[in-house]
Amino acid sequence: MTDTSHNISDWDKVIIGVDPGTNVMGYGILGIKGNKPHMIAMGVIELNKFESHYMRLKRIYDRILSLVEQFLPDEMAIEAPFFGKNVQSMLKLGRAQGVAMAAALAREVPITEYEPRKIKMAITGSGAASKEQVREMLKRILSIRDENLLPQLDSTDALGAALCHFYESTKPIPSSGKSSWKDFIAKHPERVK
């Protein structure tokens, strides 16, 4: 689903969010105007039709690269794989994440990883929230209409990663409480003669 009411140049910043998967990979594109986030697009990359894991990886790379070239994101936010008991599944998921990252890096898009709990906490206020709760909160925060939502929750998970990154990047940087002469001079040039 894509919002065609804006051009990419309309945005101050564009963030692509990715929810890695080996069967379905979600993506979400967030546009920032002023200091307000808007959904530009979201969708999924269906990988089930490919028998070979290597062909799935190629599809991920090609599709993420095409999204990067289409939407020209300034940054990528990607969900970090959570640790499971099945080592083979974790290995495949890590490869899928790595290939998505490589596609962004091919166009010099900086990447930030977020743990699933951190994304859920940023969106819902609870690190233990369900995928459905994340979806409902994103609907409200970004004013997404029901008809624009996909049945796969991977798309809203990816959009959640992008929104989490937006929230994290707009937090004020905490001061260490220490000030250097250089800081003082920069803030008060009239006092130094």
C-alpha atoms as a PDB file:
ATOM      1  CA  MET A   1       0.000   0.000   0.000  1.00  0.00           C
ATOM      2  CA  THR A   2       1.464   3.367  -1.021  1.00  0.00           C
ATOM      3  CA  ASP A   3       0.337   6.927  -0.326  1.00  0.00           C
ATOM      4  CA  THR A   4       0.649   8.649  -3.699  1.00  0.00           C
ATOM      5  CA  SER A   5      -0.422  12.086  -2.416  1.00  0.00           C
ATOM      6  CA  HIS A   6       3.196  13.111  -1.713  1.00  0.00           C
ATOM      7  CA  ASN A   7       6.447  13.215  -3.654  1.00  0.00           C
ATOM      8  CA  ILE A   8       9.600  11.959  -1.948  1.00  0.00           C
ATOM      9  CA  SER A   9      10.993  15.522  -2.130  1.00  0.00           C
ATOM     10  CA  ASP A  10       8.079  16.690   0.089  1.00  0.00           C
ATOM     11  CA  TRP A  11       9.649  15.048   3.139  1.00  0.00           C
ATOM     12  CA  ASP A  12      12.329  16.380   5.478  1.00  0.00           C
ATOM     13  CA  LYS A  13      13.437  12.798   6.130  1.00  0.00           C
ATOM     14  CA  VAL A  14      12.450   9.325   4.912  1.00  0.00           C
ATOM     15  CA  ILE A  15      12.959   6.186   7.003  1.00  0.00           C
ATOM     16  CA  ILE A  16      12.591   2.633   5.718  1.00  0.00           C
ATOM     17  CA  GLY A  17      11.716   0.020   8.324  1.00  0.00           C
ATOM     18  CA  VAL A  18      12.311  -3.695   7.735  1.00  0.00           C
ATOM     19  CA  ASP A  19      10.981  -6.727   9.574  1.00  0.00           C
ATOM     20  CA  PRO A  20      13.244  -9.554   8.376  1.00  0.00           C
ATOM     21  CA  GLY A  21      11.769 -12.914   7.512  1.00  0.00           C
ATOM     22  CA  THR A  22      12.534 -15.947   5.409  1.00  0.00           C
ATOM     23  CA  ASN A  23       8.940 -16.599   4.321  1.00  0.00           C
ATOM     24  CA  VAL A  24       7.557 -13.061   4.450  1.00  0.00           C
ATOM     25  CA  MET A  25       9.587  -9.894   4.930  1.00  0.00           C
ATOM     26  CA  GLY A  26       7.789  -6.710   5.906  1.00  0.00           C
ATOM     27  CA  TYR A  27       8.728  -3.167   4.961  1.00  0.00           C
ATOM     28  CA  GLY A  28       7.374   0.231   5.883  1.00  0.00           C
ATOM     29  CA  ILE A  29       8.304   3.680   4.600  1.00  0.00           C
ATOM     30  CA  LEU A  30       7.845   6.644   6.907  1.00  0.00           C
ATOM     31  CA  GLY A  31       8.029  10.273   5.810  1.00  0.00           C
ATOM     32  CA  ILE A  32       8.825  13.025   8.302  1.00  0.00           C
ATOM     33  CA  LYS A  33       7.529  16.545   7.682  1.00  0.00           C
ATOM     34  CA  GLY A  34       8.249  19.154  10.319  1.00  0.00           C
ATOM     35  CA  ASN A  35       8.438  16.832  13.280  1.00  0.00           C
ATOM     36  CA  LYS A  36       5.454  14.674  12.332  1.00  0.00           C
ATOM     37  CA  PRO A  37       5.651  11.126  10.943  1.00  0.00           C
ATOM     38  CA  HIS A  38       3.427   9.951   8.068  1.00  0.00           C
ATOM     39  CA  MET A  39       3.140   6.546   6.453  1.00  0.00           C
ATOM     40  CA  ILE A  40       4.269   6.674   2.821  1.00  0.00           C
ATOM     41  CA  ALA A  41       4.076   2.954   2.045  1.00  0.00           C
ATOM     42  CA  MET A  42       4.111  -0.493   3.569  1.00  0.00           C
ATOM     43  CA  GLY A  43       4.069  -3.975   2.194  1.00  0.00           C
ATOM     44  CA  VAL A  44       5.527  -7.440   2.256  1.00  0.00           C
ATOM     45  CA  ILE A  45       7.973  -9.401   0.176  1.00  0.00           C
ATOM     46  CA  GLU A  46       6.510 -12.863  -0.368  1.00  0.00           C
ATOM     47  CA  LEU A  47       9.263 -15.470  -0.374  1.00  0.00           C
ATOM     48  CA  ASN A  48       7.284 -18.729  -0.135  1.00  0.00           C
ATOM     49  CA  LYS A  49       7.262 -19.259  -3.888  1.00  0.00           C
ATOM     50  CA  PHE A  50      11.042 -19.723  -3.919  1.00  0.00           C
ATOM     51  CA  GLU A  51      12.188 -23.248  -3.048  1.00  0.00           C
ATOM     52  CA  SER A  52      15.838 -22.302  -2.686  1.00  0.00           C
ATOM     53  CA  HIS A  53      16.919 -20.281   0.348  1.00  0.00           C
ATOM     54  CA  TYR A  54      19.522 -18.605  -1.888  1.00  0.00           C
ATOM     55  CA  MET A  55      16.854 -17.467  -4.351  1.00  0.00           C
ATOM     56  CA  ARG A  56      14.911 -16.019  -1.399  1.00  0.00           C
ATOM     57  CA  LEU A  57      18.014 -14.066  -0.395  1.00  0.00           C
ATOM     58  CA  LYS A  58      18.400 -12.760  -3.949  1.00  0.00           C
ATOM     59  CA  ARG A  59      14.744 -11.673  -3.975  1.00  0.00           C
ATOM     60  CA  ILE A  60      15.212  -9.853  -0.646  1.00  0.00           C
ATOM     61  CA  TYR A  61      18.283  -8.024  -1.942  1.00  0.00           C
ATOM     62  CA  ASP A  62      16.637  -7.062  -5.250  1.00  0.00           C
ATOM     63  CA  ARG A  63      13.387  -5.887  -3.646  1.00  0.00           C
ATOM     64  CA  ILE A  64      14.974  -3.899  -0.795  1.00  0.00           C
ATOM     65  CA  LEU A  65      17.370  -2.279  -3.272  1.00  0.00           C
ATOM     66  CA  SER A  66      14.435  -1.295  -5.505  1.00  0.00           C
ATOM     67  CA  LEU A  67      12.570   0.174  -2.496  1.00  0.00           C
ATOM     68  CA  VAL A  68      15.675   2.161  -1.529  1.00  0.00           C
ATOM     69  CA  GLU A  69      15.987   3.458  -5.088  1.00  0.00           C
ATOM     70  CA  GLN A  70      12.265   4.282  -5.269  1.00  0.00           C
ATOM     71  CA  PHE A  71      11.820   6.015  -1.899  1.00  0.00           C
ATOM     72  CA  LEU A  72      15.386   7.302  -1.321  1.00  0.00           C
ATOM     73  CA  PRO A  73      15.376   6.781   2.464  1.00  0.00           C
ATOM     74  CA  ASP A  74      17.797   8.723   4.624  1.00  0.00           C
ATOM     75  CA  GLU A  75      18.003   5.867   7.141  1.00  0.00           C
ATOM     76  CA  MET A  76      17.009   2.242   7.659  1.00  0.00           C
ATOM     77  CA  ALA A  77      15.595   0.805  10.879  1.00  0.00           C
ATOM     78  CA  ILE A  78      15.674  -2.980  11.001  1.00  0.00           C
ATOM     79  CA  GLU A  79      14.345  -5.369  13.590  1.00  0.00           C
ATOM     80  CA  ALA A  80      17.130  -7.419  15.158  1.00  0.00           C
ATOM     81  CA  PRO A  81      16.476 -11.166  15.110  1.00  0.00           C
ATOM     82  CA  PHE A  82      15.370 -12.501  18.465  1.00  0.00           C
ATOM     83  CA  PHE A  83      17.117 -15.582  19.761  1.00  0.00           C
ATOM     84  CA  GLY A  84      15.209 -18.810  19.295  1.00  0.00           C
ATOM     85  CA  LYS A  85      15.944 -22.422  19.979  1.00  0.00           C
ATOM     86  CA  ASN A  86      16.138 -23.522  16.343  1.00  0.00           C
ATOM     87  CA  VAL A  87      19.682 -22.749  15.212  1.00  0.00           C
ATOM     88  CA  GLN A  88      18.931 -23.319  11.504  1.00  0.00           C
ATOM     89  CA  SER A  89      16.013 -20.884  11.602  1.00  0.00           C
ATOM     90  CA  MET A  90      18.159 -18.278  13.349  1.00  0.00           C
ATOM     91  CA  LEU A  91      20.902 -18.693  10.753  1.00  0.00           C
ATOM     92  CA  LYS A  92      18.437 -18.223   7.880  1.00  0.00           C
ATOM     93  CA  LEU A  93      16.839 -15.212   9.562  1.00  0.00           C
ATOM     94  CA  GLY A  94      20.262 -13.651  10.154  1.00  0.00           C
ATOM     95  CA  ARG A  95      21.119 -14.124   6.489  1.00  0.00           C
ATOM     96  CA  ALA A  96      17.836 -12.493   5.455  1.00  0.00           C
ATOM     97  CA  GLN A  97      18.560  -9.536   7.732  1.00  0.00           C
ATOM     98  CA  GLY A  98      22.136  -9.276   6.415  1.00  0.00           C
ATOM     99  CA  VAL A  99      21.015  -9.256   2.799  1.00  0.00           C
ATOM    100  CA  ALA A 100      18.447  -6.507   3.500  1.00  0.00           C
ATOM    101  CA  MET A 101      21.185  -4.499   5.220  1.00  0.00           C
ATOM    102  CA  ALA A 102      23.580  -5.062   2.317  1.00  0.00           C
ATOM    103  CA  ALA A 103      20.974  -3.692  -0.110  1.00  0.00           C
ATOM    104  CA  ALA A 104      20.668  -0.496   1.955  1.00  0.00           C
ATOM    105  CA  LEU A 105      24.425  -0.208   2.344  1.00  0.00           C
ATOM    106  CA  ALA A 106      24.839  -0.552  -1.425  1.00  0.00           C
ATOM    107  CA  ARG A 107      23.194   2.893  -1.603  1.00  0.00           C
ATOM    108  CA  GLU A 108      24.963   4.176   1.531  1.00  0.00           C
ATOM    109  CA  VAL A 109      21.829   4.236   3.696  1.00  0.00           C
ATOM    110  CA  PRO A 110      22.798   4.199   7.401  1.00  0.00           C
ATOM    111  CA  ILE A 111      21.243   1.360   9.422  1.00  0.00           C
ATOM    112  CA  THR A 112      20.101   1.070  13.026  1.00  0.00           C
ATOM    113  CA  GLU A 113      18.960  -2.216  14.581  1.00  0.00           C
ATOM    114  CA  TYR A 114      16.245  -2.400  17.224  1.00  0.00           C
ATOM    115  CA  GLU A 115      15.281  -5.304  19.458  1.00  0.00           C
ATOM    116  CA  PRO A 116      11.632  -6.352  19.023  1.00  0.00           C
ATOM    117  CA  ARG A 117      10.884  -5.417  22.674  1.00  0.00           C
ATOM    118  CA  LYS A 118      12.269  -1.898  22.161  1.00  0.00           C
ATOM    119  CA  ILE A 119      10.071  -1.385  19.088  1.00  0.00           C
ATOM    120  CA  LYS A 120       6.981  -2.635  20.937  1.00  0.00           C
ATOM    121  CA  MET A 121       7.802  -0.407  23.915  1.00  0.00           C
ATOM    122  CA  ALA A 122       8.241   2.656  21.678  1.00  0.00           C
ATOM    123  CA  ILE A 123       4.919   2.092  19.903  1.00  0.00           C
ATOM    124  CA  THR A 124       2.653   0.703  22.639  1.00  0.00           C
ATOM    125  CA  GLY A 125       4.421   1.440  25.919  1.00  0.00           C
ATOM    126  CA  SER A 126       4.818  -2.292  26.590  1.00  0.00           C
ATOM    127  CA  GLY A 127       7.733  -4.460  25.461  1.00  0.00           C
ATOM    128  CA  ALA A 128       5.446  -7.480  25.737  1.00  0.00           C
ATOM    129  CA  ALA A 129       2.770  -6.117  23.380  1.00  0.00           C
ATOM    130  CA  SER A 130       1.366  -8.391  20.682  1.00  0.00           C
ATOM    131  CA  LYS A 131       1.801  -7.770  16.966  1.00  0.00           C
ATOM    132  CA  GLU A 132      -1.911  -6.923  16.855  1.00  0.00           C
ATOM    133  CA  GLN A 133      -1.484  -4.271  19.562  1.00  0.00           C
ATOM    134  CA  VAL A 134       1.409  -2.728  17.622  1.00  0.00           C
ATOM    135  CA  ARG A 135      -0.774  -2.638  14.515  1.00  0.00           C
ATOM    136  CA  GLU A 136      -3.654  -0.953  16.369  1.00  0.00           C
ATOM    137  CA  MET A 137      -1.389   1.723  17.855  1.00  0.00           C
ATOM    138  CA  LEU A 138       0.215   2.422  14.468  1.00  0.00           C
ATOM    139  CA  LYS A 139      -3.270   2.822  12.998  1.00  0.00           C
ATOM    140  CA  ARG A 140      -4.012   5.524  15.556  1.00  0.00           C
ATOM    141  CA  ILE A 141      -0.626   7.275  15.593  1.00  0.00           C
ATOM    142  CA  LEU A 142      -0.279   7.422  11.795  1.00  0.00           C
ATOM    143  CA  SER A 143      -4.017   7.688  10.975  1.00  0.00           C
ATOM    144  CA  ILE A 144      -3.988   4.558   8.799  1.00  0.00           C
ATOM    145  CA  ARG A 145      -7.398   3.513   7.502  1.00  0.00           C
ATOM    146  CA  ASP A 146      -8.457  -0.152   7.816  1.00  0.00           C
ATOM    147  CA  GLU A 147      -8.585  -0.630   4.053  1.00  0.00           C
ATOM    148  CA  ASN A 148      -4.924   0.369   3.816  1.00  0.00           C
ATOM    149  CA  LEU A 149      -3.746  -2.356   6.204  1.00  0.00           C
ATOM    150  CA  LEU A 150      -2.423  -5.655   4.913  1.00  0.00           C
ATOM    151  CA  PRO A 151      -3.388  -8.996   6.471  1.00  0.00           C
ATOM    152  CA  GLN A 152       0.291  -9.764   7.161  1.00  0.00           C
ATOM    153  CA  LEU A 153       1.453  -8.177  10.412  1.00  0.00           C
ATOM    154  CA  ASP A 154       5.029  -8.113   9.068  1.00  0.00           C
ATOM    155  CA  SER A 155       4.182  -4.856   7.264  1.00  0.00           C
ATOM    156  CA  THR A 156       3.077  -3.056  10.435  1.00  0.00           C
ATOM    157  CA  ASP A 157       6.026  -4.549  12.360  1.00  0.00           C
ATOM    158  CA  ALA A 158       8.343  -2.946   9.791  1.00  0.00           C
ATOM    159  CA  LEU A 159       6.493   0.361  10.013  1.00  0.00           C
ATOM    160  CA  GLY A 160       6.865   0.073  13.802  1.00  0.00           C
ATOM    161  CA  ALA A 161      10.649  -0.252  13.416  1.00  0.00           C
ATOM    162  CA  ALA A 162      10.701   2.940  11.322  1.00  0.00           C
ATOM    163  CA  LEU A 163       8.538   4.823  13.845  1.00  0.00           C
ATOM    164  CA  CYS A 164      10.675   3.570  16.744  1.00  0.00           C
ATOM    165  CA  HIS A 165      13.724   4.936  14.926  1.00  0.00           C
ATOM    166  CA  PHE A 166      12.001   8.284  14.422  1.00  0.00           C
ATOM    167  CA  TYR A 167      11.199   8.466  18.152  1.00  0.00           C
ATOM    168  CA  GLU A 168      14.755   7.481  19.093  1.00  0.00           C
ATOM    169  CA  SER A 169      16.311  10.023  16.719  1.00  0.00           C
ATOM    170  CA  THR A 170      14.210  12.896  18.095  1.00  0.00           C
ATOM    171  CA  LYS A 171      15.041  12.263  21.758  1.00  0.00           C
ATOM    172  CA  PRO A 172      17.141  15.019  23.273  1.00  0.00           C
ATOM    173  CA  ILE A 173      20.752  14.028  23.844  1.00  0.00           C
ATOM    174  CA  PRO A 174      21.327  13.887  27.601  1.00  0.00           C
ATOM    175  CA  SER A 175      23.979  16.259  28.845  1.00  0.00           C
ATOM    176  CA  SER A 176      26.809  14.843  30.893  1.00  0.00           C
ATOM    177  CA  GLY A 177      26.523  17.885  33.142  1.00  0.00           C
ATOM    178  CA  LYS A 178      30.092  18.839  32.285  1.00  0.00           C
ATOM    179  CA  SER A 179      30.835  21.807  30.119  1.00  0.00           C
ATOM    180  CA  SER A 180      34.029  22.578  28.327  1.00  0.00           C
ATOM    181  CA  TRP A 181      35.475  26.004  27.527  1.00  0.00           C
ATOM    182  CA  LYS A 182      34.767  25.268  23.887  1.00  0.00           C
ATOM    183  CA  ASP A 183      31.059  24.765  24.694  1.00  0.00           C
ATOM    184  CA  PHE A 184      30.988  27.958  26.757  1.00  0.00           C
ATOM    185  CA  ILE A 185      32.593  30.018  23.987  1.00  0.00           C
ATOM    186  CA  ALA A 186      30.231  28.593  21.374  1.00  0.00           C
ATOM    187  CA  LYS A 187      27.195  29.459  23.523  1.00  0.00           C
ATOM    188  CA  HIS A 188      28.434  32.882  24.680  1.00  0.00           C
ATOM    189  CA  PRO A 189      30.705  34.455  22.021  1.00  0.00           C
ATOM    190  CA  GLU A 190      29.901  37.949  23.324  1.00  0.00           C
ATOM    191  CA  ARG A 191      31.651  37.155  26.636  1.00  0.00           C
ATOM    192  CA  VAL A 192      34.974  36.279  25.042  1.00  0.00           C
ATOM    193  CA  LYS A 193      36.920  39.259  23.764  1.00  0.00           C
END
